[in-house]
């Protein structure tokens, strides 16, 4: 007897990205869940703002962050192109709070036992926050990366710039975000 076949994403979810407002709701819900709400909301914020894969997020180290200059050195997985991203005030304040709470660890995001956060733990906490935020769709970590690409494309950012921001070696991996951008249809009809 064959094991049951996994459902395709399109059968489980109508879309694979979140709006900025939905990400805000997700972070607000994460802040309210448990005693590590600030850490969890900061993880969501950084994953979204920098298009981080879950493995890139949980492996972030303090040596990759320059809080004085407001820079994040992103090491991409899957043969991606590394880059340096600016950190904004919200991110810097959130990271400084985490540094105050956990000053003796090389990893930014750690577990209760002071070990690096795992992919699995982040998946679970994100799913819990998604349920608490009542988004109406199941949430997974890669949705945050897709949300980054979708937001940047909708904001009219250049496809090449999005490619480098997300660390894609091949622009064909970036093009779907520009195809998703609903704003590109805004001027089709003049009513």
C-alpha atoms as a PDB file:
ATOM      1  CA  UNK A   1       0.000   0.000   0.000  1.00  0.00           C
ATOM      2  CA  UNK A   2       1.357   3.408  -0.998  1.00  0.00           C
ATOM      3  CA  UNK A   3       1.619   6.230   1.543  1.00  0.00           C
ATOM      4  CA  UNK A   4      -0.899   9.047   1.027  1.00  0.00           C
ATOM      5  CA  UNK A   5       0.302  11.656  -1.406  1.00  0.00           C
ATOM      6  CA  UNK A   6       1.047  15.119  -0.046  1.00  0.00           C
ATOM      7  CA  UNK A   7      -1.353  17.800  -1.235  1.00  0.00           C
ATOM      8  CA  UNK A   8       0.012  20.423  -3.596  1.00  0.00           C
ATOM      9  CA  UNK A   9       0.394  23.874  -2.048  1.00  0.00           C
ATOM     10  CA  UNK A  10      -2.355  25.301  -4.264  1.00  0.00           C
ATOM     11  CA  UNK A  11      -4.786  22.771  -2.762  1.00  0.00           C
ATOM     12  CA  UNK A  12      -3.855  23.787   0.803  1.00  0.00           C
ATOM     13  CA  UNK A  13      -3.483  27.568   0.308  1.00  0.00           C
ATOM     14  CA  UNK A  14      -4.872  29.999  -2.213  1.00  0.00           C
ATOM     15  CA  UNK A  15      -1.632  32.012  -2.173  1.00  0.00           C
ATOM     16  CA  UNK A  16       1.962  31.709  -1.021  1.00  0.00           C
ATOM     17  CA  UNK A  17       2.573  35.246   0.254  1.00  0.00           C
ATOM     18  CA  UNK A  18       1.247  37.655   2.861  1.00  0.00           C
ATOM     19  CA  UNK A  19       0.506  41.357   2.622  1.00  0.00           C
ATOM     20  CA  UNK A  20       2.428  43.829   4.796  1.00  0.00           C
ATOM     21  CA  UNK A  21      -0.666  44.231   6.971  1.00  0.00           C
ATOM     22  CA  UNK A  22      -0.881  40.454   7.459  1.00  0.00           C
ATOM     23  CA  UNK A  23       2.805  40.308   8.420  1.00  0.00           C
ATOM     24  CA  UNK A  24       2.133  43.069  10.967  1.00  0.00           C
ATOM     25  CA  UNK A  25      -0.764  41.029  12.400  1.00  0.00           C
ATOM     26  CA  UNK A  26       1.483  37.959  12.502  1.00  0.00           C
ATOM     27  CA  UNK A  27       4.173  39.857  14.453  1.00  0.00           C
ATOM     28  CA  UNK A  28       1.582  41.296  16.853  1.00  0.00           C
ATOM     29  CA  UNK A  29       0.228  37.801  17.504  1.00  0.00           C
ATOM     30  CA  UNK A  30       3.750  36.423  18.026  1.00  0.00           C
ATOM     31  CA  UNK A  31       4.440  39.144  20.632  1.00  0.00           C
ATOM     32  CA  UNK A  32       1.409  37.970  22.617  1.00  0.00           C
ATOM     33  CA  UNK A  33       2.274  34.265  22.584  1.00  0.00           C
ATOM     34  CA  UNK A  34       4.464  33.120  25.430  1.00  0.00           C
ATOM     35  CA  UNK A  35       7.414  34.726  27.151  1.00  0.00           C
ATOM     36  CA  UNK A  36       9.579  34.886  24.020  1.00  0.00           C
ATOM     37  CA  UNK A  37       7.218  37.107  22.057  1.00  0.00           C
ATOM     38  CA  UNK A  38       9.801  39.799  21.363  1.00  0.00           C
ATOM     39  CA  UNK A  39      12.279  37.267  19.978  1.00  0.00           C
ATOM     40  CA  UNK A  40       9.599  35.591  17.864  1.00  0.00           C
ATOM     41  CA  UNK A  41       8.284  38.884  16.446  1.00  0.00           C
ATOM     42  CA  UNK A  42      11.862  39.980  15.666  1.00  0.00           C
ATOM     43  CA  UNK A  43      12.483  36.732  13.790  1.00  0.00           C
ATOM     44  CA  UNK A  44       9.379  37.343  11.679  1.00  0.00           C
ATOM     45  CA  UNK A  45      10.411  40.953  11.077  1.00  0.00           C
ATOM     46  CA  UNK A  46      13.918  40.050   9.889  1.00  0.00           C
ATOM     47  CA  UNK A  47      12.744  37.109   7.774  1.00  0.00           C
ATOM     48  CA  UNK A  48      10.224  39.386   6.048  1.00  0.00           C
ATOM     49  CA  UNK A  49      12.325  42.525   5.653  1.00  0.00           C
ATOM     50  CA  UNK A  50      15.346  40.646   4.304  1.00  0.00           C
ATOM     51  CA  UNK A  51      13.696  37.760   2.457  1.00  0.00           C
ATOM     52  CA  UNK A  52      15.477  35.195   4.598  1.00  0.00           C
ATOM     53  CA  UNK A  53      14.998  31.485   4.217  1.00  0.00           C
ATOM     54  CA  UNK A  54      14.333  29.727   7.529  1.00  0.00           C
ATOM     55  CA  UNK A  55      17.855  28.224   7.518  1.00  0.00           C
ATOM     56  CA  UNK A  56      19.376  31.673   6.940  1.00  0.00           C
ATOM     57  CA  UNK A  57      17.292  33.145   9.749  1.00  0.00           C
ATOM     58  CA  UNK A  58      18.071  30.581  12.439  1.00  0.00           C
ATOM     59  CA  UNK A  59      21.788  30.603  11.598  1.00  0.00           C
ATOM     60  CA  UNK A  60      22.142  34.406  11.924  1.00  0.00           C
ATOM     61  CA  UNK A  61      25.104  35.325  14.116  1.00  0.00           C
ATOM     62  CA  UNK A  62      25.971  38.605  15.800  1.00  0.00           C
ATOM     63  CA  UNK A  63      29.097  38.858  13.643  1.00  0.00           C
ATOM     64  CA  UNK A  64      26.749  39.406  10.662  1.00  0.00           C
ATOM     65  CA  UNK A  65      25.170  42.482  12.265  1.00  0.00           C
ATOM     66  CA  UNK A  66      26.627  45.974  12.573  1.00  0.00           C
ATOM     67  CA  UNK A  67      24.246  47.876  14.827  1.00  0.00           C
ATOM     68  CA  UNK A  68      26.373  51.039  14.654  1.00  0.00           C
ATOM     69  CA  UNK A  69      26.219  51.292  10.862  1.00  0.00           C
ATOM     70  CA  UNK A  70      22.825  49.596  10.581  1.00  0.00           C
ATOM     71  CA  UNK A  71      23.936  46.726   8.342  1.00  0.00           C
ATOM     72  CA  UNK A  72      23.070  43.053   8.043  1.00  0.00           C
ATOM     73  CA  UNK A  73      25.477  40.806   6.146  1.00  0.00           C
ATOM     74  CA  UNK A  74      23.265  38.122   4.616  1.00  0.00           C
ATOM     75  CA  UNK A  75      24.817  34.737   3.864  1.00  0.00           C
ATOM     76  CA  UNK A  76      22.521  33.025   1.384  1.00  0.00           C
ATOM     77  CA  UNK A  77      21.905  29.284   1.182  1.00  0.00           C
ATOM     78  CA  UNK A  78      21.142  27.255  -1.923  1.00  0.00           C
ATOM     79  CA  UNK A  79      24.096  28.787  -3.789  1.00  0.00           C
ATOM     80  CA  UNK A  80      22.577  32.274  -3.423  1.00  0.00           C
ATOM     81  CA  UNK A  81      24.480  35.529  -3.748  1.00  0.00           C
ATOM     82  CA  UNK A  82      25.496  37.028  -0.382  1.00  0.00           C
ATOM     83  CA  UNK A  83      24.696  40.693   0.164  1.00  0.00           C
ATOM     84  CA  UNK A  84      24.660  43.474   2.715  1.00  0.00           C
ATOM     85  CA  UNK A  85      21.278  44.969   3.621  1.00  0.00           C
ATOM     86  CA  UNK A  86      20.530  48.130   5.554  1.00  0.00           C
ATOM     87  CA  UNK A  87      18.832  47.706   8.912  1.00  0.00           C
ATOM     88  CA  UNK A  88      16.096  50.193   9.754  1.00  0.00           C
ATOM     89  CA  UNK A  89      15.341  51.697  13.156  1.00  0.00           C
ATOM     90  CA  UNK A  90      12.673  49.151  14.085  1.00  0.00           C
ATOM     91  CA  UNK A  91      15.035  46.281  13.355  1.00  0.00           C
ATOM     92  CA  UNK A  92      17.983  47.881  15.165  1.00  0.00           C
ATOM     93  CA  UNK A  93      15.899  48.532  18.297  1.00  0.00           C
ATOM     94  CA  UNK A  94      14.547  44.974  18.261  1.00  0.00           C
ATOM     95  CA  UNK A  95      18.039  43.501  17.825  1.00  0.00           C
ATOM     96  CA  UNK A  96      19.478  45.680  20.610  1.00  0.00           C
ATOM     97  CA  UNK A  97      16.782  44.359  22.955  1.00  0.00           C
ATOM     98  CA  UNK A  98      17.691  40.769  22.056  1.00  0.00           C
ATOM     99  CA  UNK A  99      21.385  41.545  22.605  1.00  0.00           C
ATOM    100  CA  UNK A 100      20.550  42.941  26.066  1.00  0.00           C
ATOM    101  CA  UNK A 101      18.494  39.837  26.891  1.00  0.00           C
ATOM    102  CA  UNK A 102      21.094  37.331  25.616  1.00  0.00           C
ATOM    103  CA  UNK A 103      24.538  38.971  25.544  1.00  0.00           C
ATOM    104  CA  UNK A 104      26.638  35.800  25.784  1.00  0.00           C
ATOM    105  CA  UNK A 105      25.690  33.920  22.627  1.00  0.00           C
ATOM    106  CA  UNK A 106      27.129  34.029  19.098  1.00  0.00           C
ATOM    107  CA  UNK A 107      23.691  33.314  17.598  1.00  0.00           C
ATOM    108  CA  UNK A 108      21.043  36.003  17.464  1.00  0.00           C
ATOM    109  CA  UNK A 109      18.062  33.717  17.946  1.00  0.00           C
ATOM    110  CA  UNK A 110      18.414  31.087  20.614  1.00  0.00           C
ATOM    111  CA  UNK A 111      16.149  28.603  22.323  1.00  0.00           C
ATOM    112  CA  UNK A 112      15.225  28.408  25.984  1.00  0.00           C
ATOM    113  CA  UNK A 113      18.279  26.208  26.503  1.00  0.00           C
ATOM    114  CA  UNK A 114      20.598  28.829  24.937  1.00  0.00           C
ATOM    115  CA  UNK A 115      21.133  26.710  21.811  1.00  0.00           C
ATOM    116  CA  UNK A 116      20.609  28.090  18.287  1.00  0.00           C
ATOM    117  CA  UNK A 117      16.959  28.151  17.245  1.00  0.00           C
ATOM    118  CA  UNK A 118      16.034  25.272  14.932  1.00  0.00           C
ATOM    119  CA  UNK A 119      14.135  25.389  11.638  1.00  0.00           C
ATOM    120  CA  UNK A 120      11.476  23.165  13.164  1.00  0.00           C
ATOM    121  CA  UNK A 121      10.943  25.398  16.191  1.00  0.00           C
ATOM    122  CA  UNK A 122      10.554  28.482  14.012  1.00  0.00           C
ATOM    123  CA  UNK A 123       8.063  26.666  11.770  1.00  0.00           C
ATOM    124  CA  UNK A 124       5.977  25.733  14.802  1.00  0.00           C
ATOM    125  CA  UNK A 125       6.034  29.183  16.396  1.00  0.00           C
ATOM    126  CA  UNK A 126       5.137  30.799  13.060  1.00  0.00           C
ATOM    127  CA  UNK A 127       2.215  28.399  12.560  1.00  0.00           C
ATOM    128  CA  UNK A 128       1.002  29.186  16.106  1.00  0.00           C
ATOM    129  CA  UNK A 129       1.282  32.929  15.468  1.00  0.00           C
ATOM    130  CA  UNK A 130      -0.591  32.474  12.169  1.00  0.00           C
ATOM    131  CA  UNK A 131      -3.466  30.761  13.958  1.00  0.00           C
ATOM    132  CA  UNK A 132      -3.523  33.438  16.679  1.00  0.00           C
ATOM    133  CA  UNK A 133      -3.500  36.204  14.029  1.00  0.00           C
ATOM    134  CA  UNK A 134      -6.565  34.600  12.374  1.00  0.00           C
ATOM    135  CA  UNK A 135      -5.210  35.157   8.859  1.00  0.00           C
ATOM    136  CA  UNK A 136      -7.468  32.522   7.338  1.00  0.00           C
ATOM    137  CA  UNK A 137      -4.576  30.650   5.706  1.00  0.00           C
ATOM    138  CA  UNK A 138      -1.900  28.356   7.105  1.00  0.00           C
ATOM    139  CA  UNK A 139       1.435  30.126   7.385  1.00  0.00           C
ATOM    140  CA  UNK A 140       4.898  28.695   6.776  1.00  0.00           C
ATOM    141  CA  UNK A 141       8.345  30.372   6.895  1.00  0.00           C
ATOM    142  CA  UNK A 142       8.952  30.543   3.144  1.00  0.00           C
ATOM    143  CA  UNK A 143       5.789  32.660   2.819  1.00  0.00           C
ATOM    144  CA  UNK A 144       7.743  35.476   4.458  1.00  0.00           C
ATOM    145  CA  UNK A 145      10.393  35.283   1.721  1.00  0.00           C
ATOM    146  CA  UNK A 146       7.694  35.276  -0.973  1.00  0.00           C
ATOM    147  CA  UNK A 147       6.042  38.213   0.788  1.00  0.00           C
ATOM    148  CA  UNK A 148       9.289  40.172   0.528  1.00  0.00           C
ATOM    149  CA  UNK A 149       9.510  39.640  -3.219  1.00  0.00           C
ATOM    150  CA  UNK A 150       5.833  40.443  -3.701  1.00  0.00           C
ATOM    151  CA  UNK A 151       6.045  43.654  -1.633  1.00  0.00           C
ATOM    152  CA  UNK A 152       9.175  44.890  -3.410  1.00  0.00           C
ATOM    153  CA  UNK A 153       7.638  44.170  -6.831  1.00  0.00           C
ATOM    154  CA  UNK A 154       4.386  45.927  -5.886  1.00  0.00           C
ATOM    155  CA  UNK A 155       6.412  48.913  -4.700  1.00  0.00           C
ATOM    156  CA  UNK A 156       7.834  49.163  -8.223  1.00  0.00           C
ATOM    157  CA  UNK A 157      11.363  48.033  -7.391  1.00  0.00           C
ATOM    158  CA  UNK A 158      13.521  46.985 -10.312  1.00  0.00           C
ATOM    159  CA  UNK A 159      13.543  43.218 -10.997  1.00  0.00           C
ATOM    160  CA  UNK A 160      17.362  43.142 -10.967  1.00  0.00           C
ATOM    161  CA  UNK A 161      17.443  44.910  -7.593  1.00  0.00           C
ATOM    162  CA  UNK A 162      14.937  42.392  -6.185  1.00  0.00           C
ATOM    163  CA  UNK A 163      17.062  39.578  -7.615  1.00  0.00           C
ATOM    164  CA  UNK A 164      20.148  40.770  -5.757  1.00  0.00           C
ATOM    165  CA  UNK A 165      18.223  41.582  -2.587  1.00  0.00           C
ATOM    166  CA  UNK A 166      16.862  38.021  -2.436  1.00  0.00           C
ATOM    167  CA  UNK A 167      20.206  36.541  -3.486  1.00  0.00           C
ATOM    168  CA  UNK A 168      18.927  34.805  -6.626  1.00  0.00           C
ATOM    169  CA  UNK A 169      21.695  33.808  -9.037  1.00  0.00           C
ATOM    170  CA  UNK A 170      19.158  33.367 -11.849  1.00  0.00           C
ATOM    171  CA  UNK A 171      16.687  36.164 -12.579  1.00  0.00           C
ATOM    172  CA  UNK A 172      14.101  33.551 -13.573  1.00  0.00           C
ATOM    173  CA  UNK A 173      13.677  32.888  -9.842  1.00  0.00           C
ATOM    174  CA  UNK A 174      12.784  36.565  -9.349  1.00  0.00           C
ATOM    175  CA  UNK A 175      10.424  37.082 -12.298  1.00  0.00           C
ATOM    176  CA  UNK A 176       7.396  35.400 -10.617  1.00  0.00           C
ATOM    177  CA  UNK A 177       7.272  38.192  -8.039  1.00  0.00           C
ATOM    178  CA  UNK A 178       6.880  40.806 -10.743  1.00  0.00           C
ATOM    179  CA  UNK A 179       4.222  38.648 -12.402  1.00  0.00           C
ATOM    180  CA  UNK A 180       2.317  38.580  -9.105  1.00  0.00           C
ATOM    181  CA  UNK A 181       2.376  42.354  -8.702  1.00  0.00           C
ATOM    182  CA  UNK A 182      -1.289  43.359  -8.924  1.00  0.00           C
ATOM    183  CA  UNK A 183      -0.437  47.064  -9.201  1.00  0.00           C
ATOM    184  CA  UNK A 184       0.946  46.519 -12.689  1.00  0.00           C
ATOM    185  CA  UNK A 185      -2.677  46.267 -13.897  1.00  0.00           C
ATOM    186  CA  UNK A 186      -3.873  49.503 -12.254  1.00  0.00           C
ATOM    187  CA  UNK A 187      -3.716  51.652 -15.400  1.00  0.00           C
ATOM    188  CA  UNK A 188      -5.347  49.147 -17.766  1.00  0.00           C
ATOM    189  CA  UNK A 189      -8.819  50.735 -17.496  1.00  0.00           C
ATOM    190  CA  UNK A 190      -9.686  54.348 -16.999  1.00  0.00           C
ATOM    191  CA  UNK A 191     -13.141  54.537 -15.376  1.00  0.00           C
END
